[in-house]
N, C-alpha and C. Protein backbone atom coordinates (compact mmCIF):
# COMPACT_ATOMS: atom_id res chain seq x y z
N MET A 1 0.84 -1.17 0.00
CA MET A 1 0.00 0.00 0.00
C MET A 1 0.89 1.25 0.00
N LYS A 2 0.53 2.22 -0.81
CA LYS A 2 1.27 3.47 -0.89
C LYS A 2 0.93 4.35 0.31
N THR A 3 1.96 4.92 0.93
CA THR A 3 1.76 5.79 2.08
C THR A 3 1.22 7.14 1.63
N GLN A 4 0.11 7.53 2.20
CA GLN A 4 -0.49 8.83 1.89
C GLN A 4 -0.47 9.70 3.13
N ILE A 5 -0.13 10.97 2.94
CA ILE A 5 -0.04 11.92 4.04
C ILE A 5 -0.83 13.18 3.67
N THR A 6 -1.67 13.62 4.60
CA THR A 6 -2.45 14.82 4.40
C THR A 6 -2.22 15.75 5.59
N GLU A 7 -1.96 17.04 5.32
CA GLU A 7 -1.78 17.98 6.42
C GLU A 7 -3.14 18.34 7.02
N LEU A 8 -3.19 18.34 8.35
CA LEU A 8 -4.43 18.67 9.04
C LEU A 8 -4.63 20.18 9.10
N THR A 9 -5.88 20.60 9.04
CA THR A 9 -6.22 22.02 9.17
C THR A 9 -6.19 22.40 10.65
N LYS A 10 -6.25 23.68 10.94
CA LYS A 10 -6.29 24.11 12.35
C LYS A 10 -7.52 23.55 13.05
N LYS A 11 -8.64 23.51 12.35
CA LYS A 11 -9.87 22.98 12.93
C LYS A 11 -9.71 21.49 13.27
N GLU A 12 -9.11 20.72 12.36
CA GLU A 12 -8.87 19.29 12.60
C GLU A 12 -7.88 19.09 13.74
N THR A 13 -6.89 19.97 13.84
CA THR A 13 -5.88 19.87 14.89
C THR A 13 -6.50 20.01 16.28
N ARG A 14 -7.53 20.82 16.40
CA ARG A 14 -8.19 21.02 17.71
C ARG A 14 -8.80 19.74 18.26
N LYS A 15 -9.04 18.76 17.39
CA LYS A 15 -9.66 17.50 17.81
C LYS A 15 -8.63 16.47 18.28
N LEU A 16 -7.35 16.78 18.17
CA LEU A 16 -6.29 15.85 18.56
C LEU A 16 -6.15 15.78 20.07
N SER A 17 -5.50 14.74 20.54
CA SER A 17 -5.27 14.58 21.97
C SER A 17 -4.35 15.70 22.48
N GLU A 18 -4.58 16.11 23.72
CA GLU A 18 -3.76 17.16 24.33
C GLU A 18 -2.29 16.77 24.36
N GLY A 19 -2.03 15.49 24.58
CA GLY A 19 -0.65 15.02 24.66
C GLY A 19 0.14 15.31 23.39
N LEU A 20 -0.49 15.18 22.25
CA LEU A 20 0.19 15.43 20.99
C LEU A 20 0.27 16.93 20.70
N VAL A 21 -0.81 17.64 20.94
CA VAL A 21 -0.83 19.08 20.68
C VAL A 21 0.12 19.82 21.63
N ASP A 22 0.25 19.35 22.86
CA ASP A 22 1.12 19.99 23.85
C ASP A 22 2.59 19.62 23.69
N PHE A 23 2.90 18.74 22.77
CA PHE A 23 4.27 18.32 22.47
C PHE A 23 4.82 19.36 21.48
N ASN A 24 5.40 20.43 22.01
CA ASN A 24 5.76 21.59 21.19
C ASN A 24 7.25 21.74 20.92
N PRO A 25 7.60 22.18 19.71
CA PRO A 25 9.00 22.48 19.41
C PRO A 25 9.37 23.79 20.10
N ILE A 26 10.49 23.79 20.82
CA ILE A 26 10.87 25.02 21.53
C ILE A 26 12.21 25.58 21.08
N LYS A 27 13.04 24.75 20.42
CA LYS A 27 14.36 25.24 20.01
C LYS A 27 14.90 24.40 18.86
N CYS A 28 15.49 25.08 17.88
CA CYS A 28 16.13 24.41 16.76
C CYS A 28 17.52 23.95 17.20
N TYR A 29 17.81 22.67 17.04
CA TYR A 29 19.13 22.16 17.40
C TYR A 29 20.22 22.66 16.45
N ASN A 30 19.84 23.00 15.23
CA ASN A 30 20.81 23.43 14.23
C ASN A 30 21.37 24.82 14.52
N CYS A 31 20.48 25.80 14.81
CA CYS A 31 20.95 27.18 14.98
C CYS A 31 20.62 27.79 16.34
N GLY A 32 19.83 27.09 17.16
CA GLY A 32 19.49 27.60 18.49
C GLY A 32 18.30 28.53 18.51
N ASN A 33 17.68 28.80 17.38
CA ASN A 33 16.52 29.69 17.32
C ASN A 33 15.36 29.15 18.15
N ARG A 34 14.66 30.07 18.83
CA ARG A 34 13.50 29.70 19.64
C ARG A 34 12.23 30.42 19.18
N LYS A 35 12.31 31.23 18.14
CA LYS A 35 11.16 32.05 17.73
C LYS A 35 10.57 31.61 16.40
N GLY A 36 9.24 31.67 16.33
CA GLY A 36 8.54 31.43 15.08
C GLY A 36 8.51 30.00 14.59
N ILE A 37 8.84 29.05 15.45
CA ILE A 37 8.83 27.64 15.04
C ILE A 37 7.38 27.15 15.10
N LYS A 38 6.86 26.71 13.98
CA LYS A 38 5.47 26.26 13.89
C LYS A 38 5.40 24.74 13.84
N GLN A 39 4.52 24.22 14.66
CA GLN A 39 4.26 22.79 14.69
C GLN A 39 3.20 22.47 13.63
N ARG A 40 3.40 21.39 12.89
CA ARG A 40 2.44 20.98 11.87
C ARG A 40 2.02 19.53 12.15
N PHE A 41 0.78 19.21 11.78
CA PHE A 41 0.24 17.87 12.00
C PHE A 41 -0.22 17.27 10.68
N PHE A 42 0.00 15.96 10.56
CA PHE A 42 -0.35 15.25 9.34
C PHE A 42 -1.07 13.96 9.68
N LEU A 43 -1.99 13.56 8.81
CA LEU A 43 -2.72 12.31 8.97
C LEU A 43 -2.19 11.30 7.97
N LEU A 44 -1.91 10.09 8.45
CA LEU A 44 -1.41 8.99 7.61
C LEU A 44 -2.53 8.01 7.30
N ASN A 45 -2.37 7.27 6.22
CA ASN A 45 -3.33 6.21 5.92
C ASN A 45 -2.88 4.87 6.51
N ALA A 46 -1.77 4.89 7.25
CA ALA A 46 -1.23 3.69 7.90
C ALA A 46 -0.64 4.08 9.25
N SER A 47 -0.34 3.11 10.04
CA SER A 47 0.26 3.34 11.35
C SER A 47 1.68 3.90 11.23
N ALA A 48 2.04 4.80 12.14
CA ALA A 48 3.40 5.36 12.17
C ALA A 48 4.32 4.42 12.94
N SER A 49 4.38 3.20 12.51
CA SER A 49 5.20 2.18 13.18
C SER A 49 6.61 2.18 12.61
N GLU A 50 7.49 1.51 13.32
CA GLU A 50 8.87 1.37 12.85
C GLU A 50 8.90 0.70 11.47
N GLU A 51 8.00 -0.22 11.27
CA GLU A 51 7.90 -0.95 10.00
C GLU A 51 7.59 0.00 8.82
N ASN A 52 6.87 1.07 9.08
CA ASN A 52 6.48 2.02 8.03
C ASN A 52 7.35 3.26 7.98
N HIS A 53 8.36 3.34 8.82
CA HIS A 53 9.18 4.55 8.94
C HIS A 53 9.75 5.04 7.60
N GLU A 54 10.38 4.17 6.85
CA GLU A 54 11.00 4.59 5.58
C GLU A 54 9.97 5.07 4.57
N LYS A 55 8.81 4.42 4.51
CA LYS A 55 7.74 4.85 3.60
C LYS A 55 7.22 6.23 3.98
N ILE A 56 7.05 6.44 5.28
CA ILE A 56 6.56 7.74 5.77
C ILE A 56 7.58 8.82 5.44
N LYS A 57 8.83 8.54 5.73
CA LYS A 57 9.90 9.51 5.48
C LYS A 57 9.97 9.90 3.99
N LYS A 58 9.90 8.92 3.11
CA LYS A 58 9.93 9.19 1.67
C LYS A 58 8.74 10.04 1.23
N ALA A 59 7.55 9.71 1.76
CA ALA A 59 6.35 10.47 1.40
C ALA A 59 6.41 11.90 1.94
N LEU A 60 6.94 12.07 3.16
CA LEU A 60 7.09 13.41 3.74
C LEU A 60 8.05 14.27 2.92
N ILE A 61 9.15 13.68 2.50
CA ILE A 61 10.14 14.41 1.70
C ILE A 61 9.52 14.80 0.35
N LYS A 62 8.89 13.85 -0.29
CA LYS A 62 8.34 14.09 -1.63
C LYS A 62 7.24 15.14 -1.63
N LYS A 63 6.32 15.05 -0.69
CA LYS A 63 5.14 15.93 -0.70
C LYS A 63 5.35 17.25 0.04
N PHE A 64 6.14 17.23 1.14
CA PHE A 64 6.25 18.42 1.98
C PHE A 64 7.68 18.90 2.21
N GLY A 65 8.67 18.18 1.73
CA GLY A 65 10.06 18.59 1.94
C GLY A 65 10.52 18.44 3.38
N LEU A 66 9.90 17.53 4.13
CA LEU A 66 10.22 17.30 5.55
C LEU A 66 10.78 15.89 5.74
N THR A 67 11.64 15.72 6.74
CA THR A 67 12.21 14.39 6.98
C THR A 67 12.00 13.86 8.40
N TYR A 68 11.87 14.72 9.38
CA TYR A 68 11.74 14.29 10.78
C TYR A 68 10.31 14.45 11.26
N TYR A 69 9.86 13.50 12.08
CA TYR A 69 8.50 13.56 12.61
C TYR A 69 8.44 12.84 13.95
N GLY A 70 7.39 13.15 14.69
CA GLY A 70 7.10 12.48 15.95
C GLY A 70 5.65 12.03 15.93
N PHE A 71 5.30 11.09 16.80
CA PHE A 71 3.91 10.64 16.86
C PHE A 71 3.55 10.18 18.27
N ASP A 72 2.26 10.12 18.50
CA ASP A 72 1.69 9.69 19.78
C ASP A 72 1.25 8.24 19.60
N ASN A 73 1.63 7.36 20.50
CA ASN A 73 1.27 5.94 20.39
C ASN A 73 -0.24 5.72 20.36
N GLU A 74 -1.00 6.61 21.01
CA GLU A 74 -2.45 6.46 21.03
C GLU A 74 -3.08 6.88 19.70
N LYS A 75 -2.49 7.83 19.05
CA LYS A 75 -2.98 8.33 17.76
C LYS A 75 -1.89 8.10 16.72
N ASP A 76 -1.56 6.85 16.47
CA ASP A 76 -0.39 6.55 15.65
C ASP A 76 -0.57 6.80 14.16
N LYS A 77 -1.71 7.31 13.75
CA LYS A 77 -1.88 7.71 12.34
C LYS A 77 -1.71 9.22 12.18
N VAL A 78 -1.38 9.89 13.27
CA VAL A 78 -1.13 11.33 13.24
C VAL A 78 0.33 11.57 13.60
N ILE A 79 1.02 12.35 12.78
CA ILE A 79 2.41 12.70 13.06
C ILE A 79 2.54 14.20 13.17
N THR A 80 3.59 14.66 13.84
CA THR A 80 3.84 16.08 13.98
C THR A 80 5.27 16.39 13.53
N THR A 81 5.43 17.58 12.96
CA THR A 81 6.74 18.03 12.49
C THR A 81 6.90 19.51 12.80
N ALA A 82 8.10 20.01 12.61
CA ALA A 82 8.38 21.44 12.76
C ALA A 82 9.59 21.78 11.91
N LYS A 83 9.66 23.04 11.49
CA LYS A 83 10.79 23.50 10.69
C LYS A 83 11.17 24.90 11.17
N CYS A 84 12.46 25.13 11.34
CA CYS A 84 12.95 26.42 11.82
C CYS A 84 12.83 27.48 10.71
N PRO A 85 12.25 28.64 11.01
CA PRO A 85 12.13 29.69 10.00
C PRO A 85 13.46 30.39 9.71
N GLU A 86 14.45 30.20 10.57
CA GLU A 86 15.75 30.86 10.39
C GLU A 86 16.70 30.06 9.50
N CYS A 87 16.77 28.74 9.71
CA CYS A 87 17.76 27.93 8.99
C CYS A 87 17.16 26.73 8.25
N ASP A 88 15.85 26.56 8.33
CA ASP A 88 15.15 25.41 7.73
C ASP A 88 15.49 24.08 8.40
N GLY A 89 16.10 24.13 9.58
CA GLY A 89 16.41 22.91 10.32
C GLY A 89 15.14 22.24 10.80
N GLU A 90 15.18 20.92 10.91
CA GLU A 90 14.02 20.15 11.36
C GLU A 90 14.25 19.44 12.69
N LYS A 91 15.49 19.35 13.13
CA LYS A 91 15.77 18.71 14.42
C LYS A 91 15.50 19.73 15.53
N MET A 92 14.54 19.41 16.35
CA MET A 92 14.08 20.34 17.38
C MET A 92 14.22 19.75 18.78
N GLU A 93 14.32 20.66 19.72
CA GLU A 93 14.12 20.28 21.12
C GLU A 93 12.62 20.45 21.35
N TRP A 94 12.00 19.41 21.86
CA TRP A 94 10.55 19.41 22.06
C TRP A 94 10.23 19.47 23.54
N GLU A 95 9.19 20.20 23.86
CA GLU A 95 8.72 20.32 25.24
C GLU A 95 7.47 19.47 25.40
N TYR A 96 7.48 18.63 26.41
CA TYR A 96 6.33 17.75 26.66
C TYR A 96 5.33 18.41 27.55
């Protein structure tokens, strides 16, 4: 099955579990920036399991230009990402 990823709207994001929404990017590991980092959420057509990691990564790169993501075990079809507005870095320090 081909991995499909759709970005969630702000309205759809409000329906997510607090645990995932409260998992916020606070600092870019690449440049140290702490300002303007936006968290984004995506819906998968498959589980975000280790088995599907490479498929998810390829689909994220192809469709959105992103490579790193996190997910909540309870909502494993939803992933979250962030990108630094200063350096385009994706490796973040996340606050739980």
